[in-house]
Amino acid sequence: MMALYSALQLSMEFGVRRSKRFRPDYPCNKNLSKRIRRKVCTTTHCRNHQFKCHCFLNRCPNLDAAFVKNATLNLTRSFDRLQGNPLAIKLASALGIVIFAVWGLCPLVRQSRNVFLRTSDSSWKKSSTYHVTVSYIQPLMLWTGAIFICRALDPMILPSESAQIVKQRLLNFVRSLSTVLAFAYCLSSVIQQAQNFFMERNEQTDTRNMGFQFTVRALYTAVWVAAVSLFMELLGFSTQKWLTAGGLGTVLLTLAGREILTKFLSSVMIHTTRPFVLNEWIQTKIQGYEVSGTVEHMGWWSPTIIRGDDREAIHIPNHKFSVNVVRNLSQKTHWRIKTHLAISHLDVGKINNIVADMRKVLAKNHQVEQQKLHRRVFLDNIDPENQALLVCFFSFFLCFLISFCKIIYE
């Protein structure tokens, strides 16, 4: 093999033909022109300047033709062996998919996102691109690589029959496990993304959040239970016996721990129907005992804790709320304010003016219900000591009672 060695030398030597008209006194150019005695292609740039181009072809002394020939033969033999063994090509491609999904997919998507969208790496793990890549694309690529590996190893014949049976069972196990895990993980990711989406849209104090969380947990559990059942079915095990045994075990558990199951079902009902949530003020009567306070804790197995008016903790089993009336005072839309104003008998002539002024004050206040509910101000009772003026109305806020007391005082 010949190596090409080229040298391009441009000089501004004016004496190519030993012209006496233009002969610069450069010793370097003189020595070079004496050493070079080959045909030179001269290009006239202008009248007084000429460029020379010298090209030399020499052998490279470092490279040997035999060495290059041996390397070429070795590469050819390796390529021929790969072509004659399709199993290696299939395994290499399948392993390449798995390796790319584990170590190459996320960096590639991140760099593409930074280049095309011009974003920074600080927001990578919080972006929707990261969640889609990790939750959907990466599991599906891993599942694809596992299926390709099983397909590549499936036609391989082992020397013994027992080894062939073990290989077939192992491949079936890998196929079933990868399929169930991939699709169960994708479904659970969809459920979690839906939960985050609806939780962000609703306020944290919204009473529907608790029921939605319970529904999401139930769906999440159902997905993985179905995945385990499908995995057992794909392996050849019948899950009907397991379901029958589970039903019988549920009956025995119900008979043995009826109170525990009752508490759990009552907790499910409370979390689903939402008669009250945390930090709400409720009032109920349990076994003749009046209970009033703020809900501090709601458990699935543990009792509900209510912080009473005297700041004591009241523990109530959850099944008690399903058989008793519960008043939720925090869910009031209006607060009724009803009071009597005592007026002396000496001011009997001012009663009409007092009633008219009080009605004007209530009619102009935006915190008082004006249309749906009544507003009453009139003379209600006359005693030997004084005469009582009844004031009854509905307010949107309980704090209006303080303002109303100031108005009465004035």
Protein backbone atom coordinates (compact mmCIF):
# COMPACT_ATOMS: atom_id res chain seq x y z
CA MET A 1 0.00 0.00 0.00
CA MET A 2 1.43 3.29 -1.02
CA ALA A 3 1.24 6.27 1.20
CA LEU A 4 0.91 9.65 -0.37
CA TYR A 5 3.10 12.33 0.91
CA SER A 6 2.52 15.71 -0.67
CA ALA A 7 4.18 19.01 -0.13
CA LEU A 8 3.00 22.29 -1.46
CA GLN A 9 5.62 24.94 -1.71
CA LEU A 10 4.82 28.39 -2.93
CA SER A 11 7.66 30.82 -3.36
CA MET A 12 8.03 34.22 -4.81
CA GLU A 13 11.19 33.34 -6.67
CA PHE A 14 11.52 35.53 -9.71
CA GLY A 15 14.35 33.60 -11.39
CA VAL A 16 12.73 30.39 -12.56
CA ARG A 17 14.40 30.65 -15.94
CA ARG A 18 17.47 32.24 -14.41
CA SER A 19 16.19 35.61 -15.50
CA LYS A 20 18.65 38.32 -14.86
CA ARG A 21 15.98 40.95 -14.69
CA PHE A 22 14.37 39.71 -11.50
CA ARG A 23 16.79 37.92 -9.22
CA PRO A 24 16.30 38.66 -5.48
CA ASP A 25 19.18 37.99 -3.19
CA TYR A 26 17.57 35.36 -0.89
CA PRO A 27 20.05 32.66 0.12
CA CYS A 28 17.29 30.25 1.19
CA ASN A 29 15.58 30.43 -2.18
CA LYS A 30 18.90 29.97 -3.96
CA ASN A 31 19.64 26.79 -2.06
CA LEU A 32 16.15 25.40 -2.66
CA SER A 33 16.28 26.18 -6.38
CA LYS A 34 19.61 24.43 -6.68
CA ARG A 35 18.32 21.31 -4.93
CA ILE A 36 15.10 21.08 -6.94
CA ARG A 37 15.76 19.92 -10.50
CA ARG A 38 12.30 18.79 -11.55
CA LYS A 39 9.66 19.99 -13.90
CA VAL A 40 7.84 22.95 -12.45
CA CYS A 41 4.42 24.22 -13.40
CA THR A 42 4.55 27.96 -13.49
CA THR A 43 1.49 30.15 -13.26
CA THR A 44 1.81 33.77 -14.20
CA HIS A 45 0.03 35.93 -11.67
CA CYS A 46 1.09 39.19 -13.13
CA ARG A 47 3.89 40.55 -15.15
CA ASN A 48 6.54 40.52 -12.48
CA HIS A 49 5.40 37.70 -10.13
CA GLN A 50 5.35 33.96 -10.75
CA PHE A 51 4.17 31.14 -8.36
CA LYS A 52 5.66 27.67 -8.32
CA CYS A 53 3.89 24.49 -7.04
CA HIS A 54 6.04 21.42 -6.27
CA CYS A 55 4.31 18.04 -5.61
CA PHE A 56 6.25 14.95 -4.48
CA LEU A 57 5.02 11.34 -4.08
CA ASN A 58 7.11 9.27 -1.69
CA ARG A 59 6.65 5.99 0.17
CA CYS A 60 5.76 6.19 3.84
CA PRO A 61 8.57 4.36 5.59
CA ASN A 62 6.50 3.51 8.73
CA LEU A 63 3.70 1.46 7.13
CA ASP A 64 4.20 -2.08 5.90
CA ALA A 65 2.03 -3.57 3.17
CA ALA A 66 1.97 -6.99 4.86
CA PHE A 67 0.70 -5.51 8.12
CA VAL A 68 -2.15 -3.72 6.38
CA LYS A 69 -3.02 -6.88 4.46
CA ASN A 70 -3.20 -8.98 7.65
CA ALA A 71 -5.43 -6.43 9.38
CA THR A 72 -7.78 -6.38 6.41
CA LEU A 73 -7.99 -10.18 6.36
CA ASN A 74 -8.76 -10.32 10.09
CA LEU A 75 -11.55 -7.77 9.77
CA THR A 76 -13.00 -9.66 6.82
CA ARG A 77 -12.99 -12.96 8.73
CA SER A 78 -14.69 -11.34 11.76
CA PHE A 79 -17.38 -9.83 9.59
CA ASP A 80 -17.95 -13.17 7.83
CA ARG A 81 -18.33 -14.92 11.17
CA LEU A 82 -20.90 -12.36 12.31
CA GLN A 83 -22.83 -12.83 9.09
CA GLY A 84 -22.79 -16.58 9.60
CA ASN A 85 -24.10 -16.25 13.20
CA PRO A 86 -27.38 -14.27 13.22
CA LEU A 87 -27.91 -15.01 16.93
CA ALA A 88 -25.04 -12.72 17.89
CA ILE A 89 -26.43 -9.90 15.74
CA LYS A 90 -29.90 -10.23 17.26
CA LEU A 91 -28.56 -10.37 20.81
CA ALA A 92 -26.29 -7.39 20.18
CA SER A 93 -29.16 -5.29 18.81
CA ALA A 94 -31.48 -6.27 21.68
CA LEU A 95 -28.83 -5.55 24.30
CA GLY A 96 -28.14 -2.26 22.54
CA ILE A 97 -31.79 -1.27 22.96
CA VAL A 98 -31.70 -2.14 26.66
CA ILE A 99 -28.42 -0.31 27.27
CA PHE A 100 -29.66 2.74 25.36
CA ALA A 101 -32.91 2.76 27.36
CA VAL A 102 -31.04 2.61 30.68
CA TRP A 103 -28.10 4.95 30.08
CA GLY A 104 -28.62 6.77 26.79
CA LEU A 105 -32.29 7.74 26.48
CA CYS A 106 -32.53 10.33 29.25
CA PRO A 107 -29.27 12.15 28.37
CA LEU A 108 -30.25 12.24 24.69
CA VAL A 109 -33.71 13.65 25.40
CA ARG A 110 -32.27 16.15 27.88
CA GLN A 111 -29.66 17.43 25.44
CA SER A 112 -32.25 17.63 22.65
CA ARG A 113 -34.53 19.58 24.96
CA ASN A 114 -31.72 21.98 25.87
CA VAL A 115 -30.76 22.52 22.22
CA PHE A 116 -34.19 22.88 20.62
CA LEU A 117 -36.16 24.45 23.48
CA ARG A 118 -33.18 26.37 24.90
CA THR A 119 -33.84 25.41 28.50
CA SER A 120 -31.53 24.67 31.42
CA ASP A 121 -30.79 21.43 33.25
CA SER A 122 -32.14 22.80 36.54
CA SER A 123 -35.75 22.32 35.41
CA TRP A 124 -35.18 18.94 33.74
CA LYS A 125 -36.64 16.68 36.44
CA LYS A 126 -39.66 18.94 36.89
CA SER A 127 -40.54 19.08 33.19
CA SER A 128 -43.25 17.10 31.45
CA THR A 129 -40.66 15.76 28.99
CA TYR A 130 -38.81 14.02 31.83
CA HIS A 131 -42.01 12.47 33.20
CA VAL A 132 -43.08 11.21 29.77
CA THR A 133 -39.62 9.78 29.09
CA VAL A 134 -39.23 8.03 32.45
CA SER A 135 -42.86 6.94 32.88
CA TYR A 136 -43.72 5.74 29.38
CA ILE A 137 -40.89 5.68 26.80
CA GLN A 138 -38.21 4.07 28.97
CA PRO A 139 -40.39 1.17 30.28
CA LEU A 140 -41.64 0.42 26.77
CA MET A 141 -38.10 0.40 25.37
CA LEU A 142 -36.94 -1.95 28.14
CA TRP A 143 -39.91 -4.20 27.42
CA THR A 144 -39.04 -4.15 23.70
CA GLY A 145 -35.44 -5.09 24.43
CA ALA A 146 -36.50 -7.96 26.70
CA ILE A 147 -38.89 -9.30 24.04
CA PHE A 148 -36.16 -9.12 21.38
CA ILE A 149 -33.73 -10.99 23.63
CA CYS A 150 -36.30 -13.73 24.19
CA ARG A 151 -36.96 -13.95 20.44
CA ALA A 152 -33.24 -14.24 19.73
CA LEU A 153 -32.78 -17.03 22.28
CA ASP A 154 -35.98 -18.88 21.42
CA PRO A 155 -34.71 -20.83 18.36
CA MET A 156 -31.48 -21.81 20.12
CA ILE A 157 -31.37 -25.58 20.72
CA LEU A 158 -29.56 -26.87 23.81
CA PRO A 159 -27.90 -30.31 23.94
CA SER A 160 -30.15 -31.85 26.62
CA GLU A 161 -33.93 -31.94 26.88
CA SER A 162 -33.97 -30.79 30.50
CA ALA A 163 -31.88 -27.73 29.64
CA GLN A 164 -34.26 -26.98 26.78
CA ILE A 165 -37.25 -27.10 29.17
CA VAL A 166 -35.50 -24.84 31.69
CA LYS A 167 -34.60 -22.39 28.92
CA GLN A 168 -38.20 -22.30 27.67
CA ARG A 169 -39.60 -21.69 31.15
CA LEU A 170 -37.05 -18.97 31.81
CA LEU A 171 -37.92 -17.21 28.55
CA ASN A 172 -41.64 -17.43 29.34
CA PHE A 173 -40.96 -16.00 32.79
CA VAL A 174 -38.98 -13.07 31.37
CA ARG A 175 -41.65 -12.37 28.73
CA SER A 176 -44.48 -12.44 31.26
CA LEU A 177 -42.65 -10.41 33.88
CA SER A 178 -41.49 -7.71 31.45
CA THR A 179 -44.94 -7.39 29.85
CA VAL A 180 -46.79 -7.14 33.16
CA LEU A 181 -44.30 -4.75 34.75
CA ALA A 182 -44.13 -2.45 31.72
CA PHE A 183 -47.86 -1.99 31.25
CA ALA A 184 -48.66 -1.92 34.98
CA TYR A 185 -46.01 0.76 35.48
CA CYS A 186 -47.41 2.82 32.59
CA LEU A 187 -50.98 2.54 33.93
CA SER A 188 -49.90 3.50 37.44
CA SER A 189 -48.03 6.49 35.99
CA VAL A 190 -51.19 7.57 34.17
CA ILE A 191 -53.15 7.35 37.43
CA GLN A 192 -50.55 9.36 39.34
CA GLN A 193 -50.39 12.04 36.64
CA ALA A 194 -54.19 12.33 36.67
CA GLN A 195 -54.13 12.66 40.46
CA ASN A 196 -51.51 15.42 40.35
CA PHE A 197 -53.43 17.23 37.60
CA PHE A 198 -56.74 17.28 39.47
CA MET A 199 -55.09 18.08 42.81
CA GLU A 200 -53.39 21.12 41.27
CA ARG A 201 -56.66 22.34 39.79
CA ASN A 202 -58.57 22.03 43.08
CA GLU A 203 -57.76 23.86 46.26
CA GLN A 204 -56.17 22.02 49.17
CA THR A 205 -59.19 22.74 51.38
CA ASP A 206 -61.62 21.28 48.85
CA THR A 207 -63.61 18.43 50.40
CA ARG A 208 -63.58 16.49 47.12
CA ASN A 209 -59.83 15.90 47.37
CA MET A 210 -60.20 13.23 50.02
CA GLY A 211 -62.67 11.19 47.98
CA PHE A 212 -60.51 11.59 44.91
CA GLN A 213 -57.44 10.36 46.80
CA PHE A 214 -59.37 7.31 47.99
CA THR A 215 -60.47 6.55 44.42
CA VAL A 216 -56.91 6.90 43.13
CA ARG A 217 -55.57 4.56 45.80
CA ALA A 218 -58.25 2.00 44.99
CA LEU A 219 -57.43 2.16 41.26
CA TYR A 220 -53.70 1.95 41.95
CA THR A 221 -54.18 -1.15 44.11
CA ALA A 222 -56.51 -2.72 41.54
CA VAL A 223 -53.95 -2.22 38.76
CA TRP A 224 -51.19 -4.03 40.62
CA VAL A 225 -53.51 -6.80 41.84
CA ALA A 226 -54.63 -7.35 38.25
CA ALA A 227 -50.98 -7.29 37.13
CA VAL A 228 -50.05 -10.01 39.62
CA SER A 229 -53.05 -12.12 38.55
CA LEU A 230 -52.17 -11.70 34.87
CA PHE A 231 -48.56 -12.61 35.60
CA MET A 232 -49.63 -15.84 37.29
CA GLU A 233 -51.97 -16.64 34.40
CA LEU A 234 -49.19 -16.10 31.86
CA LEU A 235 -46.97 -18.45 33.81
CA GLY A 236 -49.63 -21.13 33.61
CA PHE A 237 -50.99 -20.94 37.17
CA SER A 238 -54.75 -20.71 37.60
CA THR A 239 -55.83 -17.79 39.79
CA GLN A 240 -59.40 -19.06 40.25
CA LYS A 241 -58.32 -21.23 43.16
CA TRP A 242 -56.56 -18.28 44.70
CA LEU A 243 -59.64 -16.09 44.33
CA THR A 244 -61.79 -18.81 45.87
CA ALA A 245 -59.38 -19.16 48.76
CA GLY A 246 -59.34 -15.39 49.13
CA GLY A 247 -63.14 -15.28 49.27
CA LEU A 248 -63.22 -17.99 51.92
CA GLY A 249 -60.51 -16.21 53.87
CA THR A 250 -62.50 -12.98 53.69
CA VAL A 251 -65.55 -14.72 55.17
CA LEU A 252 -63.47 -16.18 58.01
CA LEU A 253 -61.81 -12.83 58.62
CA THR A 254 -65.21 -11.14 58.71
CA LEU A 255 -66.50 -13.58 61.31
CA ALA A 256 -63.36 -13.38 63.41
CA GLY A 257 -62.76 -9.63 63.33
CA ARG A 258 -66.16 -8.08 62.77
CA GLU A 259 -65.34 -4.95 64.72
CA ILE A 260 -62.12 -4.33 62.81
CA LEU A 261 -63.88 -4.78 59.48
CA THR A 262 -66.75 -2.55 60.62
CA LYS A 263 -64.29 0.19 61.55
CA PHE A 264 -62.56 -0.10 58.20
CA LEU A 265 -65.80 -0.01 56.20
CA SER A 266 -67.00 2.96 58.25
CA SER A 267 -63.72 4.73 57.52
CA VAL A 268 -64.19 4.02 53.82
CA MET A 269 -67.70 5.47 53.99
CA ILE A 270 -66.49 8.60 55.80
CA HIS A 271 -63.68 9.18 53.31
CA THR A 272 -66.05 8.62 50.39
CA THR A 273 -69.17 10.54 51.48
CA ARG A 274 -67.16 13.29 53.27
CA PRO A 275 -69.59 14.34 56.02
CA PHE A 276 -66.61 16.19 57.51
CA VAL A 277 -62.91 16.65 56.85
CA LEU A 278 -59.92 17.77 58.88
CA ASN A 279 -60.08 21.09 60.75
CA GLU A 280 -63.87 21.30 60.52
CA TRP A 281 -66.14 22.04 63.46
CA ILE A 282 -68.69 19.28 64.03
CA GLN A 283 -71.32 18.51 66.63
CA THR A 284 -72.88 15.13 67.41
CA LYS A 285 -74.50 13.15 70.20
CA ILE A 286 -73.07 9.70 70.94
CA GLN A 287 -74.72 7.52 73.61
CA GLY A 288 -76.25 10.56 75.30
CA TYR A 289 -72.98 12.48 75.38
CA GLU A 290 -72.80 15.79 73.50
CA VAL A 291 -69.63 16.08 71.46
CA SER A 292 -68.57 19.34 69.85
CA GLY A 293 -65.17 20.34 68.56
CA THR A 294 -62.70 20.45 65.69
CA VAL A 295 -61.70 17.33 63.76
CA GLU A 296 -58.01 16.77 64.41
CA HIS A 297 -57.36 13.29 62.98
CA MET A 298 -59.16 10.85 60.68
CA GLY A 299 -57.74 7.35 60.39
CA TRP A 300 -58.59 4.20 58.48
CA TRP A 301 -58.20 1.84 61.43
CA SER A 302 -57.71 4.25 64.32
CA PRO A 303 -60.60 6.29 65.77
CA THR A 304 -61.32 9.88 64.86
CA ILE A 305 -59.89 12.49 67.24
CA ILE A 306 -61.95 15.60 68.00
CA ARG A 307 -60.52 18.52 69.96
CA GLY A 308 -63.32 19.74 72.23
CA ASP A 309 -64.19 23.20 73.50
CA ASP A 310 -62.12 22.61 76.64
CA ARG A 311 -59.19 21.48 74.42
CA GLU A 312 -59.54 17.86 75.45
CA ALA A 313 -59.01 15.07 72.91
CA ILE A 314 -62.12 12.96 72.27
CA HIS A 315 -61.53 9.59 70.54
CA ILE A 316 -64.61 8.33 68.71
CA PRO A 317 -64.76 5.04 66.72
CA ASN A 318 -65.58 5.63 63.08
CA HIS A 319 -68.60 3.33 63.02
CA LYS A 320 -70.32 5.60 65.58
CA PHE A 321 -70.64 8.34 62.97
CA SER A 322 -72.60 6.05 60.64
CA VAL A 323 -75.43 5.53 63.17
CA ASN A 324 -75.63 9.02 64.69
CA VAL A 325 -76.52 12.49 63.45
CA VAL A 326 -73.51 14.71 62.76
CA ARG A 327 -73.85 18.48 62.43
CA ASN A 328 -71.09 20.13 60.44
CA LEU A 329 -70.99 23.72 61.65
CA SER A 330 -68.10 24.64 59.35
CA GLN A 331 -70.24 24.07 56.26
CA LYS A 332 -72.77 26.73 57.16
CA THR A 333 -73.60 29.15 54.37
CA HIS A 334 -75.19 31.72 56.72
CA TRP A 335 -75.07 32.52 60.40
CA ARG A 336 -78.31 33.45 62.14
CA ILE A 337 -78.06 36.34 64.57
CA LYS A 338 -81.05 36.79 66.87
CA THR A 339 -81.05 39.17 69.82
CA HIS A 340 -83.31 41.43 71.90
CA LEU A 341 -82.58 45.07 72.63
CA ALA A 342 -83.96 46.45 75.89
CA ILE A 343 -85.38 49.99 75.62
CA SER A 344 -86.52 52.00 78.61
CA HIS A 345 -90.16 53.04 78.95
CA LEU A 346 -88.99 56.65 79.00
CA ASP A 347 -87.85 56.27 75.34
CA VAL A 348 -91.14 54.88 74.09
CA GLY A 349 -91.50 57.80 71.69
CA LYS A 350 -88.19 56.94 70.00
CA ILE A 351 -89.04 53.31 69.18
CA ASN A 352 -90.21 54.06 65.63
CA ASN A 353 -87.02 55.96 64.83
CA ILE A 354 -84.86 53.23 66.38
CA VAL A 355 -86.59 50.50 64.33
CA ALA A 356 -86.29 52.52 61.10
CA ASP A 357 -82.60 53.28 61.68
CA MET A 358 -81.84 49.65 62.51
CA ARG A 359 -83.57 48.45 59.33
CA LYS A 360 -81.57 50.94 57.25
CA VAL A 361 -78.31 49.76 58.79
CA LEU A 362 -79.08 46.11 58.00
CA ALA A 363 -80.29 46.92 54.47
CA LYS A 364 -77.09 48.77 53.56
CA ASN A 365 -74.63 46.21 54.93
CA HIS A 366 -73.25 43.80 52.31
CA GLN A 367 -72.48 41.13 54.93
CA VAL A 368 -76.20 40.62 55.62
CA GLU A 369 -78.34 38.38 53.41
CA GLN A 370 -80.75 40.65 51.55
CA GLN A 371 -82.85 38.41 49.29
CA LYS A 372 -83.11 34.73 50.21
CA LEU A 373 -83.61 35.03 53.99
CA HIS A 374 -85.52 37.43 56.20
CA ARG A 375 -84.49 40.55 58.13
CA ARG A 376 -86.70 41.32 61.09
CA VAL A 377 -86.62 44.35 63.37
CA PHE A 378 -89.75 45.10 65.45
CA LEU A 379 -91.11 45.54 68.96
CA ASP A 380 -91.46 42.06 70.43
CA ASN A 381 -92.25 42.23 74.14
CA ILE A 382 -93.18 44.73 76.84
CA ASP A 383 -92.27 44.09 80.49
CA PRO A 384 -92.86 46.16 83.59
CA GLU A 385 -89.14 47.00 83.60
CA ASN A 386 -88.54 47.69 79.88
CA GLN A 387 -89.66 46.92 76.36
CA ALA A 388 -87.77 44.47 74.12
CA LEU A 389 -86.93 45.11 70.48
CA LEU A 390 -86.34 41.92 68.40
CA VAL A 391 -83.51 41.94 65.82
CA CYS A 392 -83.13 38.79 63.68
CA PHE A 393 -81.16 38.42 60.44
CA PHE A 394 -78.69 36.13 58.61
CA SER A 395 -75.08 37.03 57.94
CA PHE A 396 -72.47 35.46 55.68
CA PHE A 397 -69.76 35.74 58.33
CA LEU A 398 -69.86 35.16 62.05
CA CYS A 399 -67.46 38.05 62.60
CA PHE A 400 -70.27 40.43 61.64
CA LEU A 401 -71.68 39.89 65.14
CA ILE A 402 -68.84 42.00 66.54
CA SER A 403 -69.60 44.81 64.10
CA PHE A 404 -73.28 44.56 64.97
CA CYS A 405 -72.51 44.90 68.68
CA LYS A 406 -70.53 48.06 67.91
CA ILE A 407 -73.50 49.44 65.97
CA ILE A 408 -75.85 48.73 68.87
CA TYR A 409 -73.44 50.37 71.30
CA GLU A 410 -73.25 53.49 69.17
